[in-house]
Amino acid sequence: MQQLAAAGTPVRDVAIRVLIVDDSVVARAVIGRMIEAMEGFHVAGAVSDVRGALHHLAQERVDVILLDLEMPGVGGLAGLPDLLAAGQGAKVLVVSSSADDGAASAVQALALGAADTLVKPGVGSFAGRFSVVLEDRMRRMFDGAVPVAISAVDATSPVVDFDLIAVGASTGGIHALSQMLRAIPAAFQPPILITQHLPASFMSYFAMQLAVLAGRPCEVADDHMRVRPGRIYVAPGHAHVRCVRTSDGVAIRLSHEPVPSGCTPSVDPMLESVAAIFGARGLGVILSGMGRDGAIGAAQLIEAGGSVIVQDRASSVVWGMPGAIAERAAAVLPPDEIGRMVASGRRPS
């Protein structure tokens, strides 16, 4: 599917094949014409329901599945796990009128493994910006970092306990987070900070969902909130989170300073503060995501004696963020294995 250019940049030698799953004949036709007009994309098929999609995937591999959520019979959410399995690595972009910012169905789709979500406009509103945004979302799914040589964790490395885990993630990160957290028992005590690129309107529902997945309290971080054992803290959508020392432990400070990545919230300030406060007893985790957010903070944490684990390329929706620090990471693993390593109370050095 991909070949490496001489300079090492991934390039595709075939068009990206797209399967459209939508019960609206008009939506299938209009979106299909948009895709065929995009350079490097090709409509491999257009079906009206999940059953038709599964039949298509049994006959032909595709790279992207555009999935509506509201369909008769088996809905998009119910059918998503089967589509991911049948897709054998195909990335699912939910395109649905019910995928608005903050919608529970959108967050559920991301947790189940969808790569991204996009609000589908009304039938009479497809023209204009929707086509531009759709193309941008699909192209971003294939913007990964160049693969790097990955060394196995040295079994002879000394075992070092940690006091806090700081996790950064973006596109594809919600599904990875769910896999990681399921592997960590509810009795696990070190607190977990999470910076996930999401709009502010998603955060309350996102925190509630993580609490269910992890079996532990999860809160949207607020200024001056004390960091307590056994809890998860999620960066709000409008600010970065930092750790600071207080007279009785560690607390959270929200900040709004510009950062190199341009992201809000950004992973870098979180990891920078963990490096400053926890040093060798801090553990960073970088999961699936586009761009390089977290690379600066992860490097500082490593310099301070802490360790960083990153998600492997094969399981990442986008390997930009993990790939940016992989060469310096202590381990490169799938999310469930990261969770088991965290649960062991040990870290690779």
Protein backbone atom coordinates (compact mmCIF):
# COMPACT_ATOMS: atom_id res chain seq x y z
CA MET A 1 0.00 0.00 0.00
CA GLN A 2 2.86 2.37 0.79
CA GLN A 3 6.36 2.71 -0.47
CA LEU A 4 9.15 4.83 1.03
CA ALA A 5 10.55 7.65 -1.04
CA ALA A 6 14.31 8.04 -1.18
CA ALA A 7 14.17 10.78 1.42
CA GLY A 8 12.25 8.50 3.76
CA THR A 9 8.84 10.16 3.43
CA PRO A 10 5.89 7.76 3.17
CA VAL A 11 4.18 7.97 -0.23
CA ARG A 12 1.29 5.94 -1.60
CA ASP A 13 1.53 4.17 -4.92
CA VAL A 14 -2.24 3.62 -5.21
CA ALA A 15 -5.32 5.72 -4.50
CA ILE A 16 -6.84 5.63 -1.03
CA ARG A 17 -9.94 3.43 -1.32
CA VAL A 18 -13.07 4.68 0.44
CA LEU A 19 -16.23 2.80 1.37
CA ILE A 20 -19.31 4.96 2.02
CA VAL A 21 -21.90 3.56 4.45
CA ASP A 22 -25.01 5.74 4.54
CA ASP A 23 -28.71 4.92 4.15
CA SER A 24 -29.34 8.14 2.19
CA VAL A 25 -29.11 7.69 -1.59
CA VAL A 26 -28.48 11.42 -1.98
CA ALA A 27 -25.70 11.48 0.64
CA ARG A 28 -23.98 8.50 -0.95
CA ALA A 29 -24.11 10.10 -4.38
CA VAL A 30 -22.97 13.56 -3.30
CA ILE A 31 -20.16 12.33 -1.03
CA GLY A 32 -19.10 9.88 -3.71
CA ARG A 33 -18.74 12.68 -6.28
CA MET A 34 -16.74 14.73 -3.77
CA ILE A 35 -14.32 11.87 -3.15
CA GLU A 36 -13.81 11.11 -6.82
CA ALA A 37 -12.87 14.77 -7.33
CA MET A 38 -10.16 14.52 -4.65
CA GLU A 39 -6.67 13.69 -5.87
CA GLY A 40 -5.49 10.35 -4.55
CA PHE A 41 -8.90 9.06 -3.43
CA HIS A 42 -11.23 6.53 -5.02
CA VAL A 43 -14.73 5.34 -4.07
CA ALA A 44 -14.40 1.58 -3.67
CA GLY A 45 -18.07 1.17 -2.82
CA ALA A 46 -21.20 2.83 -1.46
CA VAL A 47 -23.72 0.83 0.57
CA SER A 48 -26.84 1.62 2.56
CA ASP A 49 -26.23 -0.30 5.79
CA VAL A 50 -23.79 -2.19 7.97
CA ARG A 51 -24.75 -5.52 6.49
CA GLY A 52 -23.87 -4.30 3.00
CA ALA A 53 -20.60 -2.89 4.30
CA LEU A 54 -19.61 -6.20 5.89
CA HIS A 55 -20.41 -7.99 2.63
CA HIS A 56 -18.26 -5.53 0.70
CA LEU A 57 -15.37 -5.86 3.15
CA ALA A 58 -15.49 -9.63 2.83
CA GLN A 59 -14.80 -9.21 -0.89
CA GLU A 60 -12.50 -6.18 -1.05
CA ARG A 61 -10.10 -4.32 1.24
CA VAL A 62 -10.51 -0.58 1.69
CA ASP A 63 -8.49 2.11 3.46
CA VAL A 64 -11.26 4.37 4.81
CA ILE A 65 -14.85 3.71 5.86
CA LEU A 66 -17.16 6.74 6.00
CA LEU A 67 -19.87 5.68 8.45
CA ASP A 68 -23.23 7.22 9.18
CA LEU A 69 -24.55 6.47 12.67
CA GLU A 70 -28.31 6.73 12.14
CA MET A 71 -29.35 3.92 9.84
CA PRO A 72 -32.23 1.43 9.91
CA GLY A 73 -31.51 -2.03 11.26
CA VAL A 74 -28.02 -2.22 12.79
CA GLY A 75 -26.93 1.36 13.51
CA GLY A 76 -23.46 2.70 12.94
CA LEU A 77 -22.43 2.52 16.60
CA ALA A 78 -23.65 -1.05 17.01
CA GLY A 79 -21.94 -2.13 13.81
CA LEU A 80 -18.67 -0.26 14.36
CA PRO A 81 -16.76 -3.07 16.14
CA ASP A 82 -17.64 -5.55 13.37
CA LEU A 83 -16.67 -3.05 10.68
CA LEU A 84 -13.30 -2.43 12.33
CA ALA A 85 -12.64 -6.15 12.51
CA ALA A 86 -13.74 -6.78 8.93
CA GLY A 87 -11.86 -3.70 7.72
CA GLN A 88 -8.50 -5.22 8.69
CA GLY A 89 -6.90 -1.89 9.47
CA ALA A 90 -9.27 0.41 7.57
CA LYS A 91 -9.76 3.73 9.35
CA VAL A 92 -13.33 4.71 10.20
CA LEU A 93 -14.43 8.33 9.85
CA VAL A 94 -17.90 8.84 11.30
CA VAL A 95 -19.86 11.25 9.09
CA SER A 96 -23.19 11.78 10.77
CA SER A 97 -25.61 14.53 11.73
CA SER A 98 -25.47 13.13 15.29
CA ALA A 99 -21.68 13.57 15.57
CA ASP A 100 -21.77 17.19 16.76
CA ASP A 101 -19.28 18.45 19.37
CA GLY A 102 -20.19 17.06 22.78
CA ALA A 103 -22.59 14.44 21.40
CA ALA A 104 -22.44 11.20 23.37
CA SER A 105 -22.59 9.15 20.18
CA ALA A 106 -19.49 10.89 18.81
CA VAL A 107 -17.43 10.15 21.91
CA GLN A 108 -18.73 6.57 21.99
CA ALA A 109 -17.68 6.09 18.37
CA LEU A 110 -14.17 7.37 19.13
CA ALA A 111 -13.93 5.07 22.15
CA LEU A 112 -14.96 2.09 20.03
CA GLY A 113 -12.15 2.80 17.58
CA ALA A 114 -13.33 5.38 15.06
CA ALA A 115 -10.43 7.56 13.90
CA ASP A 116 -12.41 10.80 13.80
CA THR A 117 -15.90 12.28 13.53
CA LEU A 118 -17.43 14.87 11.22
CA VAL A 119 -20.88 16.43 11.30
CA LYS A 120 -22.83 15.64 8.13
CA PRO A 121 -24.77 18.67 6.92
CA GLY A 122 -28.34 18.59 5.68
CA VAL A 123 -28.96 17.32 2.15
CA GLY A 124 -29.13 20.85 0.78
CA SER A 125 -25.95 22.01 2.52
CA PHE A 126 -23.26 19.69 1.15
CA ALA A 127 -21.74 22.34 -1.08
CA GLY A 128 -18.88 24.50 0.07
CA ARG A 129 -16.72 23.89 3.12
CA PHE A 130 -17.91 20.34 3.90
CA SER A 131 -15.95 18.89 0.98
CA VAL A 132 -12.78 20.72 2.10
CA VAL A 133 -13.11 19.51 5.69
CA LEU A 134 -13.90 15.95 4.60
CA GLU A 135 -10.79 15.79 2.43
CA ASP A 136 -8.65 17.28 5.20
CA ARG A 137 -9.90 14.74 7.77
CA MET A 138 -9.20 11.82 5.43
CA ARG A 139 -5.75 13.05 4.45
CA ARG A 140 -4.75 13.57 8.08
CA MET A 141 -5.38 9.89 8.76
CA PHE A 142 -2.48 9.02 6.48
CA ASP A 143 0.00 11.63 7.74
CA GLY A 144 2.24 9.37 9.84
CA ALA A 145 5.83 9.70 10.88
CA VAL A 146 8.49 7.65 9.10
CA PRO A 147 8.94 4.26 10.80
CA VAL A 148 11.97 4.06 13.06
CA ALA A 149 13.94 1.10 14.32
CA ILE A 150 12.42 -0.04 17.60
CA SER A 151 14.38 -1.93 20.20
CA ALA A 152 12.78 -4.35 22.60
CA VAL A 153 12.70 -3.41 26.28
CA ASP A 154 15.85 -4.64 27.96
CA ALA A 155 14.79 -7.26 30.50
CA THR A 156 17.86 -6.49 32.59
CA SER A 157 16.93 -2.81 33.03
CA PRO A 158 16.53 -1.84 36.67
CA VAL A 159 12.97 -1.71 37.96
CA VAL A 160 12.00 1.80 39.14
CA ASP A 161 8.71 2.78 40.79
CA PHE A 162 6.85 5.90 39.65
CA ASP A 163 4.54 8.31 41.42
CA LEU A 164 2.44 9.66 38.53
CA ILE A 165 1.56 8.78 34.93
CA ALA A 166 1.01 11.54 32.37
CA VAL A 167 -0.68 10.50 29.13
CA GLY A 168 -0.87 12.50 25.90
CA ALA A 169 -3.08 11.60 22.94
CA SER A 170 -4.91 13.00 19.93
CA THR A 171 -6.45 11.37 16.84
CA GLY A 172 -7.14 7.71 17.63
CA GLY A 173 -6.20 8.29 21.25
CA ILE A 174 -9.59 7.69 22.85
CA HIS A 175 -9.71 4.09 21.67
CA ALA A 176 -6.08 3.58 22.71
CA LEU A 177 -6.83 5.08 26.13
CA SER A 178 -9.75 2.72 26.62
CA GLN A 179 -7.52 -0.27 25.85
CA MET A 180 -4.78 0.98 28.13
CA LEU A 181 -7.06 1.78 31.07
CA ARG A 182 -8.88 -1.55 30.88
CA ALA A 183 -5.53 -3.26 31.55
CA ILE A 184 -4.97 -1.28 34.77
CA PRO A 185 -6.78 -2.63 37.88
CA ALA A 186 -9.12 -0.37 39.81
CA ALA A 187 -6.90 -0.66 42.91
CA PHE A 188 -3.98 0.99 41.09
CA GLN A 189 -2.94 3.99 43.21
CA PRO A 190 -0.62 6.37 41.29
CA PRO A 191 -2.71 9.22 39.81
CA ILE A 192 -3.05 9.55 36.04
CA LEU A 193 -3.08 12.87 34.17
CA ILE A 194 -4.49 12.83 30.63
CA THR A 195 -4.23 15.47 27.93
CA GLN A 196 -6.41 14.41 24.99
CA HIS A 197 -7.02 16.78 22.09
CA LEU A 198 -10.79 17.31 22.24
CA PRO A 199 -13.11 20.32 22.24
CA ALA A 200 -14.12 21.64 25.65
CA SER A 201 -17.71 20.53 25.09
CA PHE A 202 -16.62 16.88 25.02
CA MET A 203 -14.73 16.85 28.29
CA SER A 204 -17.42 16.19 30.89
CA TYR A 205 -18.76 13.19 29.01
CA PHE A 206 -15.23 12.03 28.21
CA ALA A 207 -14.33 12.06 31.93
CA MET A 208 -17.46 10.12 32.83
CA GLN A 209 -16.68 7.50 30.21
CA LEU A 210 -13.07 7.12 31.40
CA ALA A 211 -14.32 6.67 34.96
CA VAL A 212 -16.44 3.73 33.82
CA LEU A 213 -13.64 2.21 31.72
CA ALA A 214 -11.02 2.56 34.45
CA GLY A 215 -13.20 1.79 37.45
CA ARG A 216 -11.85 4.83 39.30
CA PRO A 217 -12.84 8.49 39.77
CA CYS A 218 -12.07 10.73 36.80
CA GLU A 219 -12.42 14.49 36.86
CA VAL A 220 -11.97 17.34 34.44
CA ALA A 221 -8.99 19.19 35.90
CA ASP A 222 -9.59 22.56 37.52
CA ASP A 223 -7.20 25.19 38.86
CA HIS A 224 -5.79 24.39 42.34
CA MET A 225 -7.29 20.89 42.28
CA ARG A 226 -5.20 18.56 44.45
CA VAL A 227 -3.76 15.48 42.76
CA ARG A 228 -4.87 12.47 44.79
CA PRO A 229 -3.98 8.77 44.60
CA GLY A 230 -6.25 6.44 42.64
CA ARG A 231 -7.74 9.20 40.47
CA ILE A 232 -7.64 10.32 36.84
CA TYR A 233 -7.51 13.99 35.83
CA VAL A 234 -8.35 15.12 32.29
CA ALA A 235 -7.14 18.42 30.87
CA PRO A 236 -10.06 20.75 30.06
CA GLY A 237 -10.52 21.68 26.44
CA HIS A 238 -9.64 25.34 27.01
CA ALA A 239 -6.37 25.13 28.98
CA HIS A 240 -3.14 23.21 29.56
CA VAL A 241 -2.56 21.35 32.81
CA ARG A 242 0.60 21.66 34.89
CA CYS A 243 1.67 20.07 38.18
CA VAL A 244 2.96 22.24 41.02
CA ARG A 245 4.27 21.45 44.50
CA THR A 246 2.17 22.59 47.43
CA SER A 247 2.64 22.37 51.20
CA ASP A 248 0.60 19.18 51.34
CA GLY A 249 1.46 17.47 48.04
CA VAL A 250 0.88 18.21 44.37
CA ALA A 251 -1.84 20.32 42.75
CA ILE A 252 -2.96 21.23 39.24
CA ARG A 253 -2.54 24.64 37.70
CA LEU A 254 -4.29 25.56 34.47
CA SER A 255 -2.33 27.68 31.99
CA HIS A 256 -3.00 29.34 28.65
CA GLU A 257 0.47 30.16 27.32
CA PRO A 258 1.21 29.73 23.59
CA VAL A 259 2.94 26.45 22.80
CA PRO A 260 4.94 25.32 19.73
CA SER A 261 2.31 22.78 18.69
CA GLY A 262 -0.48 25.36 18.74
CA CYS A 263 -2.70 22.84 20.56
CA THR A 264 -5.01 23.64 23.45
CA PRO A 265 -4.80 21.63 25.59
CA SER A 266 -1.19 20.72 24.84
CA VAL A 267 0.71 17.66 26.06
CA ASP A 268 4.01 19.57 26.31
CA PRO A 269 3.25 21.75 29.38
CA MET A 270 1.91 18.73 31.26
CA LEU A 271 5.05 16.65 30.61
CA GLU A 272 7.35 19.60 31.28
CA SER A 273 5.81 20.06 34.73
CA VAL A 274 5.96 16.32 35.47
CA ALA A 275 9.67 16.42 34.61
CA ALA A 276 10.20 19.36 36.97
CA ILE A 277 8.15 17.97 39.88
CA PHE A 278 8.63 14.21 39.67
CA GLY A 279 11.89 13.78 37.72
CA ALA A 280 12.89 10.11 37.68
CA ARG A 281 9.62 9.14 39.36
CA GLY A 282 7.49 10.46 36.51
CA LEU A 283 6.21 8.23 33.71
CA GLY A 284 5.01 9.64 30.37
CA VAL A 285 2.85 7.84 27.82
CA ILE A 286 2.28 9.10 24.27
CA LEU A 287 -0.60 7.52 22.35
CA SER A 288 -1.91 7.86 18.80
CA GLY A 289 -2.09 11.39 17.44
CA MET A 290 -1.21 13.69 14.57
CA GLY A 291 1.69 16.13 14.75
CA ARG A 292 4.44 16.45 17.36
CA ASP A 293 2.65 17.70 20.47
CA GLY A 294 4.34 16.10 23.49
CA ALA A 295 7.77 15.65 21.88
CA ILE A 296 9.30 18.63 23.71
CA GLY A 297 7.85 17.70 27.10
CA ALA A 298 8.72 14.02 26.65
CA ALA A 299 12.33 14.92 25.89
CA GLN A 300 12.48 17.04 29.06
CA LEU A 301 11.02 14.19 31.12
CA ILE A 302 13.64 11.81 29.75
CA GLU A 303 16.40 14.35 30.49
CA ALA A 304 15.09 14.60 34.07
CA GLY A 305 15.49 10.84 34.49
CA GLY A 306 11.89 9.85 33.88
CA SER A 307 10.69 7.32 31.32
CA VAL A 308 8.41 7.62 28.31
CA ILE A 309 6.44 4.80 26.68
CA VAL A 310 4.86 5.32 23.25
CA GLN A 311 2.21 3.46 21.31
CA ASP A 312 3.51 1.33 18.47
CA ARG A 313 2.95 2.29 14.85
CA ALA A 314 0.88 -0.79 13.95
CA SER A 315 -1.85 -0.05 16.51
CA SER A 316 -1.86 3.75 16.07
CA VAL A 317 -4.43 5.51 13.91
CA VAL A 318 -1.81 8.23 13.33
CA TRP A 319 1.80 7.70 14.42
CA GLY A 320 2.79 11.36 14.43
CA MET A 321 2.95 12.04 18.18
CA PRO A 322 4.33 8.64 19.22
CA GLY A 323 6.68 8.52 16.24
CA ALA A 324 8.16 11.92 17.10
CA ILE A 325 9.67 10.56 20.34
CA ALA A 326 9.91 6.83 19.58
CA GLU A 327 13.68 6.80 19.11
CA ARG A 328 14.15 8.07 22.68
CA ALA A 329 11.29 6.13 24.27
CA ALA A 330 12.00 3.41 26.81
CA ALA A 331 9.42 1.15 25.18
CA VAL A 332 7.17 1.08 22.10
CA LEU A 333 4.09 -1.06 22.73
CA PRO A 334 0.39 -1.54 21.86
CA PRO A 335 -1.99 0.21 24.31
CA ASP A 336 -3.02 -2.91 26.22
CA GLU A 337 0.62 -3.83 26.84
CA ILE A 338 1.31 -0.27 27.97
CA GLY A 339 -1.53 -0.69 30.46
CA ARG A 340 -0.10 -3.94 31.77
CA MET A 341 3.34 -2.37 32.16
CA VAL A 342 1.82 0.55 34.08
CA ALA A 343 -0.21 -1.84 36.22
CA SER A 344 2.95 -3.71 37.19
CA GLY A 345 4.11 -0.62 39.09
CA ARG A 346 7.35 -0.72 37.16
CA ARG A 347 8.67 1.24 34.23
CA PRO A 348 11.31 0.56 31.61
CA SER A 349 14.44 2.63 32.11
